[in-house]
Amino acid sequence: MRWTCAVALYSDKGATLDEFFEAVTTLEEIGPIARRVLGGAHPVTVGIEDALRWSRTVLRAREALSKTTN
């Protein structure tokens, strides 16, 4: 559920920087739990880790955009 919520947050084109931070933080919290419980090769763990990489990329891009518009 938290994974889905995080993906929804960073996928929303109208998301605020705070929502992007929330998505990244959520994925950072649940990633190690998934790895410990399910193992590193489990599709859910892989999906969470992929989502974390992507959300960090999107967050960096949005932060850069925010700095240029301010």
C-alpha atoms as a PDB file:
ATOM      1  CA  MET A   1       0.000   0.000   0.000  1.00  0.00           C
ATOM      2  CA  ARG A   2       2.776   2.443   0.893  1.00  0.00           C
ATOM      3  CA  TRP A   3       4.608   1.603  -2.329  1.00  0.00           C
ATOM      4  CA  THR A   4       1.490   2.392  -4.366  1.00  0.00           C
ATOM      5  CA  CYS A   5       0.945   5.629  -2.467  1.00  0.00           C
ATOM      6  CA  ALA A   6       4.544   6.725  -3.067  1.00  0.00           C
ATOM      7  CA  VAL A   7       4.295   5.969  -6.783  1.00  0.00           C
ATOM      8  CA  ALA A   8       1.043   7.919  -6.978  1.00  0.00           C
ATOM      9  CA  LEU A   9       2.712  10.891  -5.283  1.00  0.00           C
ATOM     10  CA  TYR A  10       5.726  11.135  -7.580  1.00  0.00           C
ATOM     11  CA  SER A  11       3.705  10.295 -10.701  1.00  0.00           C
ATOM     12  CA  ASP A  12       1.302  13.196 -10.192  1.00  0.00           C
ATOM     13  CA  LYS A  13       2.289  16.002 -12.552  1.00  0.00           C
ATOM     14  CA  GLY A  14       0.888  18.518 -10.078  1.00  0.00           C
ATOM     15  CA  ALA A  15       2.757  17.113  -7.068  1.00  0.00           C
ATOM     16  CA  THR A  16       4.547  19.562  -4.821  1.00  0.00           C
ATOM     17  CA  LEU A  17       8.172  19.218  -3.752  1.00  0.00           C
ATOM     18  CA  ASP A  18       6.932  18.152  -0.316  1.00  0.00           C
ATOM     19  CA  GLU A  19       4.977  15.329  -1.927  1.00  0.00           C
ATOM     20  CA  PHE A  20       8.066  14.233  -3.843  1.00  0.00           C
ATOM     21  CA  PHE A  21      10.047  14.244  -0.591  1.00  0.00           C
ATOM     22  CA  GLU A  22       7.288  12.194   1.028  1.00  0.00           C
ATOM     23  CA  ALA A  23       7.406   9.654  -1.810  1.00  0.00           C
ATOM     24  CA  VAL A  24      11.186   9.280  -1.569  1.00  0.00           C
ATOM     25  CA  THR A  25      11.084   9.028   2.215  1.00  0.00           C
ATOM     26  CA  THR A  26       8.364   6.389   2.098  1.00  0.00           C
ATOM     27  CA  LEU A  27      10.283   4.301  -0.424  1.00  0.00           C
ATOM     28  CA  GLU A  28      13.486   4.661   1.612  1.00  0.00           C
ATOM     29  CA  GLU A  29      11.615   3.334   4.646  1.00  0.00           C
ATOM     30  CA  ILE A  30       9.922   0.369   2.995  1.00  0.00           C
ATOM     31  CA  GLY A  31      12.803  -0.748   0.755  1.00  0.00           C
ATOM     32  CA  PRO A  32      14.925  -2.290   3.513  1.00  0.00           C
ATOM     33  CA  ILE A  33      11.859  -3.919   5.053  1.00  0.00           C
ATOM     34  CA  ALA A  34      10.929  -5.553   1.747  1.00  0.00           C
ATOM     35  CA  ARG A  35      14.524  -6.705   1.235  1.00  0.00           C
ATOM     36  CA  ARG A  36      14.673  -8.210   4.724  1.00  0.00           C
ATOM     37  CA  VAL A  37      11.263  -9.911   4.570  1.00  0.00           C
ATOM     38  CA  LEU A  38      11.050 -10.915   0.909  1.00  0.00           C
ATOM     39  CA  GLY A  39      14.679 -10.960  -0.249  1.00  0.00           C
ATOM     40  CA  GLY A  40      16.479  -8.873  -2.813  1.00  0.00           C
ATOM     41  CA  ALA A  41      15.305 -10.819  -5.859  1.00  0.00           C
ATOM     42  CA  HIS A  42      11.593 -10.692  -5.040  1.00  0.00           C
ATOM     43  CA  PRO A  43       9.575  -8.719  -7.621  1.00  0.00           C
ATOM     44  CA  VAL A  44       8.089  -6.457  -4.956  1.00  0.00           C
ATOM     45  CA  THR A  45      11.531  -5.583  -3.589  1.00  0.00           C
ATOM     46  CA  VAL A  46      12.852  -4.955  -7.087  1.00  0.00           C
ATOM     47  CA  GLY A  47       9.824  -2.786  -7.861  1.00  0.00           C
ATOM     48  CA  ILE A  48      10.261  -0.718  -4.717  1.00  0.00           C
ATOM     49  CA  GLU A  49      13.962  -0.206  -5.414  1.00  0.00           C
ATOM     50  CA  ASP A  50      13.223   0.770  -9.026  1.00  0.00           C
ATOM     51  CA  ALA A  51      10.558   3.193  -7.824  1.00  0.00           C
ATOM     52  CA  LEU A  52      13.027   4.689  -5.342  1.00  0.00           C
ATOM     53  CA  ARG A  53      15.630   5.277  -8.055  1.00  0.00           C
ATOM     54  CA  TRP A  54      13.026   6.825 -10.333  1.00  0.00           C
ATOM     55  CA  SER A  55      11.484   8.985  -7.612  1.00  0.00           C
ATOM     56  CA  ARG A  56      14.921  10.322  -6.644  1.00  0.00           C
ATOM     57  CA  THR A  57      15.549  11.203 -10.301  1.00  0.00           C
ATOM     58  CA  VAL A  58      12.214  12.994 -10.564  1.00  0.00           C
ATOM     59  CA  LEU A  59      12.819  14.793  -7.261  1.00  0.00           C
ATOM     60  CA  ARG A  60      16.238  16.052  -8.403  1.00  0.00           C
ATOM     61  CA  ALA A  61      14.731  17.292 -11.669  1.00  0.00           C
ATOM     62  CA  ARG A  62      11.899  19.053  -9.859  1.00  0.00           C
ATOM     63  CA  GLU A  63      14.318  20.625  -7.369  1.00  0.00           C
ATOM     64  CA  ALA A  64      16.462  21.913 -10.230  1.00  0.00           C
ATOM     65  CA  LEU A  65      13.387  23.293 -11.976  1.00  0.00           C
ATOM     66  CA  SER A  66      12.233  24.928  -8.768  1.00  0.00           C
ATOM     67  CA  LYS A  67      15.620  26.648  -8.328  1.00  0.00           C
ATOM     68  CA  THR A  68      15.546  28.067 -11.856  1.00  0.00           C
ATOM     69  CA  THR A  69      12.017  29.443 -11.492  1.00  0.00           C
ATOM     70  CA  ASN A  70      12.639  31.149  -8.143  1.00  0.00           C
END
